[in-house]
Amino acid sequence: MRADDLTVRFGATVALAPSSFRLAEATVTTLIGPNGSGKTTLLHALAGVTTPTGGRLDQPFGATTAFVGQLHHHHRWMPLSALEVVRMGRYRRLGLFSRFRRADHDAVADAASRADVEYLLAEPFGSLSGGQQQRVRIAQSLAGEPELLLLDEPVTGLDPPSQERVLEVIAAERARGTTVAFSTHHLDEAEMADQVLVLAGGVIAAGPPSSTLRPAVLSTAFAGKVLVIGDQFVLDEHGHDHAHERECLPADEHDA
C-alpha cells in the first residue's frame, strides 16, 4: 500500500495532515504518537472507514483488509457466543444470508487456533475478560483471511499475558505473509516492527526503528516529553491509561 500526501479533514479541522509512506508486503508497521496525533484517523483511512479528502492512497487490486478497533467494555452486553463473533469475520466474503461452506468452517477454526481462543468458542462473548475479548475480535478479523490487518491500540488496557499473546499473533501473521499495521504507545512494541510511522497531526517520520525511534524525532512528536538519562531515553506520557507509562530505549549519542 502506498500513500502520497494522504490528508483527512472534518470540516475546517485537519485530522490528518499530508502524510506519505509505504506498507510493504509481509511486514509490520507501528504507529506511534501522542493522543490526538492522528493514529486512529490514519488507520480508519487505510481501512476505508474514513474517506481521505486529499492526496492519494493506492493498494493492490482486490486486496482484503481487516480492521480491529480499540477495545471498549460496552461489548459485554453482546448476546453472542465467542464462536458467533468469530464467524462474523466471514460475512464480508459470504454476505449475511449465504450458508457456510466447508471452507468457511475451516477458516473460522483456523483463525480461532491462531488467536488461541478455541477453548473460548462456546462461552458468551460478554462474559470474557478484556484480553479474551480482544483475541476473539482478532480471530474474527483473521477469519476473513485479510492481506492487510489493521489494529488500533490492540494491547491497551490488557494484562501482560494477554498483551504478549496479541503481539505473538501479530508476529505470526507477518510470518504468514500478512501485512500488519497497529498503533501503540509502547516504545518496545514500536521497536519490534519493520517500520515505524511517527505521528504529530500527520506522519512526521517513516522508516525503520533505528532511524525513527530517536530522541530528536520523538521530542518533536511528544512536545519535548522525552528525557535522556545516560545512554537511555525515556518517553514520559503521563495520563494515558496504559500498563507502561514510561518506556526506555538506548539513546543515540548524536541525538542526545
C-alpha atoms as a PDB file:
ATOM      1  CA  MET A   1       0.000   0.000   0.000  1.00  0.00           C
ATOM      2  CA  ARG A   2       1.247   3.463  -0.881  1.00  0.00           C
ATOM      3  CA  ALA A   3       0.106   6.820   0.493  1.00  0.00           C
ATOM      4  CA  ASP A   4       1.166  10.138  -1.014  1.00  0.00           C
ATOM      5  CA  ASP A   5       0.195  13.321   0.856  1.00  0.00           C
ATOM      6  CA  LEU A   6      -2.782  11.469   2.343  1.00  0.00           C
ATOM      7  CA  THR A   7      -4.996  14.026   4.100  1.00  0.00           C
ATOM      8  CA  VAL A   8      -8.185  13.830   6.155  1.00  0.00           C
ATOM      9  CA  ARG A   9     -10.291  16.855   7.092  1.00  0.00           C
ATOM     10  CA  PHE A  10     -13.532  17.101   9.019  1.00  0.00           C
ATOM     11  CA  GLY A  11     -14.875  20.463   8.013  1.00  0.00           C
ATOM     12  CA  ALA A  12     -12.267  23.059   8.941  1.00  0.00           C
ATOM     13  CA  THR A  13     -10.427  20.584  11.196  1.00  0.00           C
ATOM     14  CA  VAL A  14      -7.370  18.819   9.803  1.00  0.00           C
ATOM     15  CA  ALA A  15      -7.472  15.363  11.403  1.00  0.00           C
ATOM     16  CA  LEU A  16      -4.509  14.085   9.378  1.00  0.00           C
ATOM     17  CA  ALA A  17      -2.021  16.454   7.747  1.00  0.00           C
ATOM     18  CA  PRO A  18      -0.487  15.378   4.411  1.00  0.00           C
ATOM     19  CA  SER A  19       1.268  12.054   5.056  1.00  0.00           C
ATOM     20  CA  SER A  20       3.353   9.868   2.766  1.00  0.00           C
ATOM     21  CA  PHE A  21       4.562   6.316   3.444  1.00  0.00           C
ATOM     22  CA  ARG A  22       4.586   2.736   2.142  1.00  0.00           C
ATOM     23  CA  LEU A  23       3.363  -0.510   3.671  1.00  0.00           C
ATOM     24  CA  ALA A  24       5.426  -3.352   2.240  1.00  0.00           C
ATOM     25  CA  GLU A  25       4.048  -6.865   1.898  1.00  0.00           C
ATOM     26  CA  ALA A  26       4.545  -9.219   4.858  1.00  0.00           C
ATOM     27  CA  THR A  27       5.847  -6.524   7.204  1.00  0.00           C
ATOM     28  CA  VAL A  28       4.732  -4.984  10.491  1.00  0.00           C
ATOM     29  CA  THR A  29       4.338  -1.214  10.751  1.00  0.00           C
ATOM     30  CA  THR A  30       3.677   0.502  14.060  1.00  0.00           C
ATOM     31  CA  LEU A  31       2.110   3.933  14.503  1.00  0.00           C
ATOM     32  CA  ILE A  32       3.310   5.905  17.490  1.00  0.00           C
ATOM     33  CA  GLY A  33       2.461   9.397  18.701  1.00  0.00           C
ATOM     34  CA  PRO A  34       0.580  11.156  21.492  1.00  0.00           C
ATOM     35  CA  ASN A  35      -3.183  11.074  21.854  1.00  0.00           C
ATOM     36  CA  GLY A  36      -4.801  13.147  19.120  1.00  0.00           C
ATOM     37  CA  SER A  37      -1.810  12.793  16.796  1.00  0.00           C
ATOM     38  CA  GLY A  38      -3.838  11.156  14.001  1.00  0.00           C
ATOM     39  CA  LYS A  39      -3.104   7.457  14.556  1.00  0.00           C
ATOM     40  CA  THR A  40      -6.741   6.328  14.601  1.00  0.00           C
ATOM     41  CA  THR A  41      -7.666   8.622  11.719  1.00  0.00           C
ATOM     42  CA  LEU A  42      -4.856   7.159   9.635  1.00  0.00           C
ATOM     43  CA  LEU A  43      -5.923   3.586  10.389  1.00  0.00           C
ATOM     44  CA  HIS A  44      -9.528   4.465   9.538  1.00  0.00           C
ATOM     45  CA  ALA A  45      -8.380   5.871   6.197  1.00  0.00           C
ATOM     46  CA  LEU A  46      -6.366   2.731   5.420  1.00  0.00           C
ATOM     47  CA  ALA A  47      -9.339   0.561   6.379  1.00  0.00           C
ATOM     48  CA  GLY A  48     -11.779   2.533   4.240  1.00  0.00           C
ATOM     49  CA  VAL A  49     -13.790   3.616   7.283  1.00  0.00           C
ATOM     50  CA  THR A  50     -12.899   7.272   6.623  1.00  0.00           C
ATOM     51  CA  THR A  51     -12.645   8.779   3.148  1.00  0.00           C
ATOM     52  CA  PRO A  52      -9.454  10.807   2.588  1.00  0.00           C
ATOM     53  CA  THR A  53     -10.044  14.387   1.496  1.00  0.00           C
ATOM     54  CA  GLY A  54      -6.671  14.856  -0.174  1.00  0.00           C
ATOM     55  CA  GLY A  55      -3.667  13.040  -1.518  1.00  0.00           C
ATOM     56  CA  ARG A  56      -3.609   9.533  -2.898  1.00  0.00           C
ATOM     57  CA  LEU A  57      -3.901   6.053  -1.434  1.00  0.00           C
ATOM     58  CA  ASP A  58      -3.022   3.088  -3.644  1.00  0.00           C
ATOM     59  CA  GLN A  59      -3.314  -0.554  -2.718  1.00  0.00           C
ATOM     60  CA  PRO A  60      -3.164  -3.812  -4.694  1.00  0.00           C
ATOM     61  CA  PHE A  61      -6.385  -4.504  -6.589  1.00  0.00           C
ATOM     62  CA  GLY A  62      -8.596  -6.944  -4.755  1.00  0.00           C
ATOM     63  CA  ALA A  63      -6.561  -6.901  -1.538  1.00  0.00           C
ATOM     64  CA  THR A  64      -8.711  -7.685   1.505  1.00  0.00           C
ATOM     65  CA  THR A  65      -8.413  -5.594   4.654  1.00  0.00           C
ATOM     66  CA  ALA A  66      -9.478  -6.268   8.235  1.00  0.00           C
ATOM     67  CA  PHE A  67      -9.690  -3.609  10.944  1.00  0.00           C
ATOM     68  CA  VAL A  68      -9.851  -4.169  14.706  1.00  0.00           C
ATOM     69  CA  GLY A  69     -10.746  -1.002  16.596  1.00  0.00           C
ATOM     70  CA  GLN A  70      -9.947  -0.160  20.194  1.00  0.00           C
ATOM     71  CA  LEU A  71     -11.402  -2.452  22.835  1.00  0.00           C
ATOM     72  CA  HIS A  72     -14.347  -0.983  24.729  1.00  0.00           C
ATOM     73  CA  HIS A  73     -16.041  -2.685  27.635  1.00  0.00           C
ATOM     74  CA  HIS A  74     -19.508  -1.976  26.264  1.00  0.00           C
ATOM     75  CA  HIS A  75     -19.061  -5.194  24.249  1.00  0.00           C
ATOM     76  CA  ARG A  76     -20.107  -7.054  27.406  1.00  0.00           C
ATOM     77  CA  TRP A  77     -23.782  -6.672  26.546  1.00  0.00           C
ATOM     78  CA  MET A  78     -23.446  -8.630  23.280  1.00  0.00           C
ATOM     79  CA  PRO A  79     -25.785 -11.684  23.393  1.00  0.00           C
ATOM     80  CA  LEU A  80     -23.472 -13.787  21.230  1.00  0.00           C
ATOM     81  CA  SER A  81     -21.109 -16.660  21.792  1.00  0.00           C
ATOM     82  CA  ALA A  82     -17.437 -16.225  21.016  1.00  0.00           C
ATOM     83  CA  LEU A  83     -17.895 -18.617  18.086  1.00  0.00           C
ATOM     84  CA  GLU A  84     -20.639 -16.431  16.611  1.00  0.00           C
ATOM     85  CA  VAL A  85     -18.372 -13.378  16.892  1.00  0.00           C
ATOM     86  CA  VAL A  86     -15.539 -15.165  15.074  1.00  0.00           C
ATOM     87  CA  ARG A  87     -17.944 -16.413  12.367  1.00  0.00           C
ATOM     88  CA  MET A  88     -18.913 -12.815  11.637  1.00  0.00           C
ATOM     89  CA  GLY A  89     -15.472 -12.421  10.088  1.00  0.00           C
ATOM     90  CA  ARG A  90     -16.649 -14.493   7.099  1.00  0.00           C
ATOM     91  CA  TYR A  91     -19.673 -12.308   6.318  1.00  0.00           C
ATOM     92  CA  ARG A  92     -17.730  -9.964   4.049  1.00  0.00           C
ATOM     93  CA  ARG A  93     -16.842 -12.877   1.801  1.00  0.00           C
ATOM     94  CA  LEU A  94     -20.186 -14.658   2.069  1.00  0.00           C
ATOM     95  CA  GLY A  95     -22.769 -11.964   2.620  1.00  0.00           C
ATOM     96  CA  LEU A  96     -25.178 -12.041   5.550  1.00  0.00           C
ATOM     97  CA  PHE A  97     -27.534 -14.673   4.210  1.00  0.00           C
ATOM     98  CA  SER A  98     -25.247 -17.185   2.491  1.00  0.00           C
ATOM     99  CA  ARG A  99     -24.733 -20.587   4.051  1.00  0.00           C
ATOM    100  CA  PHE A 100     -21.386 -21.559   5.483  1.00  0.00           C
ATOM    101  CA  ARG A 101     -19.399 -23.988   3.377  1.00  0.00           C
ATOM    102  CA  ARG A 102     -16.626 -26.318   4.461  1.00  0.00           C
ATOM    103  CA  ALA A 103     -14.013 -23.704   3.545  1.00  0.00           C
ATOM    104  CA  ASP A 104     -15.742 -21.168   5.798  1.00  0.00           C
ATOM    105  CA  HIS A 105     -15.873 -23.530   8.766  1.00  0.00           C
ATOM    106  CA  ASP A 106     -12.203 -24.355   8.213  1.00  0.00           C
ATOM    107  CA  ALA A 107     -11.267 -20.658   8.060  1.00  0.00           C
ATOM    108  CA  VAL A 108     -13.080 -19.983  11.343  1.00  0.00           C
ATOM    109  CA  ALA A 109     -11.417 -22.937  13.070  1.00  0.00           C
ATOM    110  CA  ASP A 110      -8.006 -21.905  11.762  1.00  0.00           C
ATOM    111  CA  ALA A 111      -8.482 -18.288  12.910  1.00  0.00           C
ATOM    112  CA  ALA A 112      -9.567 -19.435  16.378  1.00  0.00           C
ATOM    113  CA  SER A 113      -6.475 -21.619  16.621  1.00  0.00           C
ATOM    114  CA  ARG A 114      -4.111 -18.842  15.512  1.00  0.00           C
ATOM    115  CA  ALA A 115      -5.577 -16.439  18.081  1.00  0.00           C
ATOM    116  CA  ASP A 116      -5.625 -19.159  20.768  1.00  0.00           C
ATOM    117  CA  VAL A 117      -9.355 -18.867  21.516  1.00  0.00           C
ATOM    118  CA  GLU A 118     -10.527 -22.377  20.637  1.00  0.00           C
ATOM    119  CA  TYR A 119     -11.321 -23.116  24.275  1.00  0.00           C
ATOM    120  CA  LEU A 120     -13.484 -19.981  24.490  1.00  0.00           C
ATOM    121  CA  LEU A 121     -15.761 -20.526  21.497  1.00  0.00           C
ATOM    122  CA  ALA A 122     -18.712 -21.877  23.478  1.00  0.00           C
ATOM    123  CA  GLU A 123     -18.571 -19.053  26.034  1.00  0.00           C
ATOM    124  CA  PRO A 124     -20.786 -15.933  25.918  1.00  0.00           C
ATOM    125  CA  PHE A 125     -18.657 -13.169  24.430  1.00  0.00           C
ATOM    126  CA  GLY A 126     -19.834 -10.695  27.063  1.00  0.00           C
ATOM    127  CA  SER A 127     -18.574 -12.891  29.898  1.00  0.00           C
ATOM    128  CA  LEU A 128     -14.979 -12.942  28.672  1.00  0.00           C
ATOM    129  CA  SER A 129     -12.153 -10.877  30.107  1.00  0.00           C
ATOM    130  CA  GLY A 130     -10.822  -7.916  28.146  1.00  0.00           C
ATOM    131  CA  GLY A 131      -7.830  -9.887  26.890  1.00  0.00           C
ATOM    132  CA  GLN A 132     -10.009 -12.801  25.825  1.00  0.00           C
ATOM    133  CA  GLN A 133     -12.440 -10.493  24.042  1.00  0.00           C
ATOM    134  CA  GLN A 134      -9.582  -8.856  22.193  1.00  0.00           C
ATOM    135  CA  ARG A 135      -8.232 -12.193  20.995  1.00  0.00           C
ATOM    136  CA  VAL A 136     -11.719 -13.223  19.845  1.00  0.00           C
ATOM    137  CA  ARG A 137     -12.041  -9.979  17.907  1.00  0.00           C
ATOM    138  CA  ILE A 138      -8.651 -10.578  16.306  1.00  0.00           C
ATOM    139  CA  ALA A 139      -9.748 -14.133  15.430  1.00  0.00           C
ATOM    140  CA  GLN A 140     -12.815 -12.597  13.791  1.00  0.00           C
ATOM    141  CA  SER A 141     -10.578 -10.454  11.586  1.00  0.00           C
ATOM    142  CA  LEU A 142      -8.329 -13.423  10.731  1.00  0.00           C
ATOM    143  CA  ALA A 143     -11.341 -15.493   9.699  1.00  0.00           C
ATOM    144  CA  GLY A 144     -11.766 -13.133   6.759  1.00  0.00           C
ATOM    145  CA  GLU A 145      -8.275 -14.095   5.508  1.00  0.00           C
ATOM    146  CA  PRO A 146      -7.073 -10.494   5.048  1.00  0.00           C
ATOM    147  CA  GLU A 147      -3.917  -9.457   3.245  1.00  0.00           C
ATOM    148  CA  LEU A 148      -3.802  -6.272   5.346  1.00  0.00           C
ATOM    149  CA  LEU A 149      -4.535  -6.377   9.086  1.00  0.00           C
ATOM    150  CA  LEU A 150      -5.029  -3.056  10.904  1.00  0.00           C
ATOM    151  CA  LEU A 151      -5.279  -2.809  14.695  1.00  0.00           C
ATOM    152  CA  ASP A 152      -5.888   0.294  16.804  1.00  0.00           C
ATOM    153  CA  GLU A 153      -4.017   0.022  20.127  1.00  0.00           C
ATOM    154  CA  PRO A 154      -4.616  -3.738  20.318  1.00  0.00           C
ATOM    155  CA  VAL A 155      -2.907  -4.243  23.714  1.00  0.00           C
ATOM    156  CA  THR A 156      -4.066  -1.121  25.549  1.00  0.00           C
ATOM    157  CA  GLY A 157      -5.738  -1.997  28.842  1.00  0.00           C
ATOM    158  CA  LEU A 158      -4.844  -5.694  28.673  1.00  0.00           C
ATOM    159  CA  ASP A 159      -2.989  -7.672  31.324  1.00  0.00           C
ATOM    160  CA  PRO A 160       0.649  -8.582  30.464  1.00  0.00           C
ATOM    161  CA  PRO A 161      -0.069 -12.208  29.399  1.00  0.00           C
ATOM    162  CA  SER A 162      -2.807 -11.012  27.028  1.00  0.00           C
ATOM    163  CA  GLN A 163      -0.530  -8.299  25.660  1.00  0.00           C
ATOM    164  CA  GLU A 164       2.166 -10.884  24.977  1.00  0.00           C
ATOM    165  CA  ARG A 165      -0.278 -13.224  23.228  1.00  0.00           C
ATOM    166  CA  VAL A 166      -1.622 -10.481  20.954  1.00  0.00           C
ATOM    167  CA  LEU A 167       1.925  -9.484  19.969  1.00  0.00           C
ATOM    168  CA  GLU A 168       2.714 -13.130  19.246  1.00  0.00           C
ATOM    169  CA  VAL A 169      -0.305 -13.275  16.922  1.00  0.00           C
ATOM    170  CA  ILE A 170       0.937 -10.155  15.104  1.00  0.00           C
ATOM    171  CA  ALA A 171       4.402 -11.683  14.616  1.00  0.00           C
ATOM    172  CA  ALA A 172       2.872 -14.941  13.394  1.00  0.00           C
ATOM    173  CA  GLU A 173       0.713 -13.103  10.856  1.00  0.00           C
ATOM    174  CA  ARG A 174       3.760 -11.354   9.445  1.00  0.00           C
ATOM    175  CA  ALA A 175       5.425 -14.764   9.069  1.00  0.00           C
ATOM    176  CA  ARG A 176       2.345 -15.989   7.171  1.00  0.00           C
ATOM    177  CA  GLY A 177       2.706 -13.139   4.681  1.00  0.00           C
ATOM    178  CA  THR A 178       0.101 -10.751   6.086  1.00  0.00           C
ATOM    179  CA  THR A 179       0.876  -7.034   6.149  1.00  0.00           C
ATOM    180  CA  VAL A 180       0.136  -5.655   9.623  1.00  0.00           C
ATOM    181  CA  ALA A 181      -0.125  -2.088  10.916  1.00  0.00           C
ATOM    182  CA  PHE A 182      -1.016  -1.228  14.500  1.00  0.00           C
ATOM    183  CA  SER A 183      -0.931   1.789  16.766  1.00  0.00           C
ATOM    184  CA  THR A 184       0.776   1.748  20.141  1.00  0.00           C
ATOM    185  CA  HIS A 185       2.053   3.906  22.999  1.00  0.00           C
ATOM    186  CA  HIS A 186       4.848   1.441  23.828  1.00  0.00           C
ATOM    187  CA  LEU A 187       8.340   2.094  22.530  1.00  0.00           C
ATOM    188  CA  ASP A 188       9.306  -1.552  22.904  1.00  0.00           C
ATOM    189  CA  GLU A 189       6.338  -2.594  20.736  1.00  0.00           C
ATOM    190  CA  ALA A 190       7.247   0.026  18.139  1.00  0.00           C
ATOM    191  CA  GLU A 191      10.821  -1.277  18.141  1.00  0.00           C
ATOM    192  CA  MET A 192       9.663  -4.790  17.153  1.00  0.00           C
ATOM    193  CA  ALA A 193       8.287  -3.515  13.830  1.00  0.00           C
ATOM    194  CA  ASP A 194       9.900  -3.393  10.415  1.00  0.00           C
ATOM    195  CA  GLN A 195       8.744   0.199  10.024  1.00  0.00           C
ATOM    196  CA  VAL A 196       7.578   2.941  12.389  1.00  0.00           C
ATOM    197  CA  LEU A 197       5.323   5.841  11.484  1.00  0.00           C
ATOM    198  CA  VAL A 198       5.752   8.685  13.987  1.00  0.00           C
ATOM    199  CA  LEU A 199       2.726  10.987  14.033  1.00  0.00           C
ATOM    200  CA  ALA A 200       2.106  14.510  15.271  1.00  0.00           C
ATOM    201  CA  GLY A 201      -1.021  15.596  13.422  1.00  0.00           C
ATOM    202  CA  GLY A 202       0.350  13.677  10.449  1.00  0.00           C
ATOM    203  CA  VAL A 203       3.269  11.384   9.673  1.00  0.00           C
ATOM    204  CA  ILE A 204       6.463  13.292  10.520  1.00  0.00           C
ATOM    205  CA  ALA A 205       8.851  10.341  10.155  1.00  0.00           C
ATOM    206  CA  ALA A 206       8.646   6.939   8.485  1.00  0.00           C
ATOM    207  CA  GLY A 207      11.322   4.279   8.441  1.00  0.00           C
ATOM    208  CA  PRO A 208      12.938   1.509  10.465  1.00  0.00           C
ATOM    209  CA  PRO A 209      13.046   1.838  14.270  1.00  0.00           C
ATOM    210  CA  SER A 210      16.734   2.697  14.140  1.00  0.00           C
ATOM    211  CA  SER A 211      16.003   5.938  12.298  1.00  0.00           C
ATOM    212  CA  THR A 212      12.604   6.895  13.774  1.00  0.00           C
ATOM    213  CA  LEU A 213      12.763   5.963  17.457  1.00  0.00           C
ATOM    214  CA  ARG A 214      15.291   8.660  18.334  1.00  0.00           C
ATOM    215  CA  PRO A 215      15.005  11.455  20.886  1.00  0.00           C
ATOM    216  CA  ALA A 216      15.141  14.154  18.199  1.00  0.00           C
ATOM    217  CA  VAL A 217      12.156  12.666  16.345  1.00  0.00           C
ATOM    218  CA  LEU A 218      10.127  11.671  19.391  1.00  0.00           C
ATOM    219  CA  SER A 219      10.689  15.030  21.088  1.00  0.00           C
ATOM    220  CA  THR A 220       9.007  16.680  18.109  1.00  0.00           C
ATOM    221  CA  ALA A 221       6.050  14.299  18.232  1.00  0.00           C
ATOM    222  CA  PHE A 222       5.627  14.333  22.005  1.00  0.00           C
ATOM    223  CA  ALA A 223       6.264  18.063  22.517  1.00  0.00           C
ATOM    224  CA  GLY A 224       9.575  17.542  24.289  1.00  0.00           C
ATOM    225  CA  LYS A 225       8.354  14.824  26.678  1.00  0.00           C
ATOM    226  CA  VAL A 226      11.470  12.734  26.081  1.00  0.00           C
ATOM    227  CA  LEU A 227      14.082  12.579  28.822  1.00  0.00           C
ATOM    228  CA  VAL A 228      17.645  11.485  28.042  1.00  0.00           C
ATOM    229  CA  ILE A 229      19.250   9.748  31.018  1.00  0.00           C
ATOM    230  CA  GLY A 230      22.747   8.474  30.333  1.00  0.00           C
ATOM    231  CA  ASP A 231      22.536   6.047  27.428  1.00  0.00           C
ATOM    232  CA  GLN A 232      18.754   5.669  27.707  1.00  0.00           C
ATOM    233  CA  PHE A 233      15.885   7.886  26.658  1.00  0.00           C
ATOM    234  CA  VAL A 234      12.506   7.846  28.344  1.00  0.00           C
ATOM    235  CA  LEU A 235       9.148   8.646  26.804  1.00  0.00           C
ATOM    236  CA  ASP A 236       7.132  10.270  29.592  1.00  0.00           C
ATOM    237  CA  GLU A 237       3.461  10.374  28.609  1.00  0.00           C
ATOM    238  CA  HIS A 238       1.535  10.891  31.826  1.00  0.00           C
ATOM    239  CA  GLY A 239      -2.191  10.472  31.968  1.00  0.00           C
ATOM    240  CA  HIS A 240      -2.519   7.741  29.356  1.00  0.00           C
ATOM    241  CA  ASP A 241      -4.290   4.675  30.705  1.00  0.00           C
ATOM    242  CA  HIS A 242      -1.652   2.124  29.816  1.00  0.00           C
ATOM    243  CA  ALA A 243       0.251  -0.561  31.595  1.00  0.00           C
ATOM    244  CA  HIS A 244       3.579   1.176  30.937  1.00  0.00           C
ATOM    245  CA  GLU A 245       3.618   4.979  31.041  1.00  0.00           C
ATOM    246  CA  ARG A 246       7.402   5.166  30.800  1.00  0.00           C
ATOM    247  CA  GLU A 247       9.350   3.255  28.187  1.00  0.00           C
ATOM    248  CA  CYS A 248      13.136   3.239  27.758  1.00  0.00           C
ATOM    249  CA  LEU A 249      15.319   2.659  24.730  1.00  0.00           C
ATOM    250  CA  PRO A 250      19.062   3.218  24.230  1.00  0.00           C
ATOM    251  CA  ALA A 251      19.770   6.813  23.249  1.00  0.00           C
ATOM    252  CA  ASP A 252      21.945   7.627  20.272  1.00  0.00           C
ATOM    253  CA  GLU A 253      24.817   9.874  21.372  1.00  0.00           C
ATOM    254  CA  HIS A 254      24.266  12.297  18.492  1.00  0.00           C
ATOM    255  CA  ASP A 255      20.562  12.690  19.259  1.00  0.00           C
ATOM    256  CA  ALA A 256      21.284  13.070  22.970  1.00  0.00           C
END
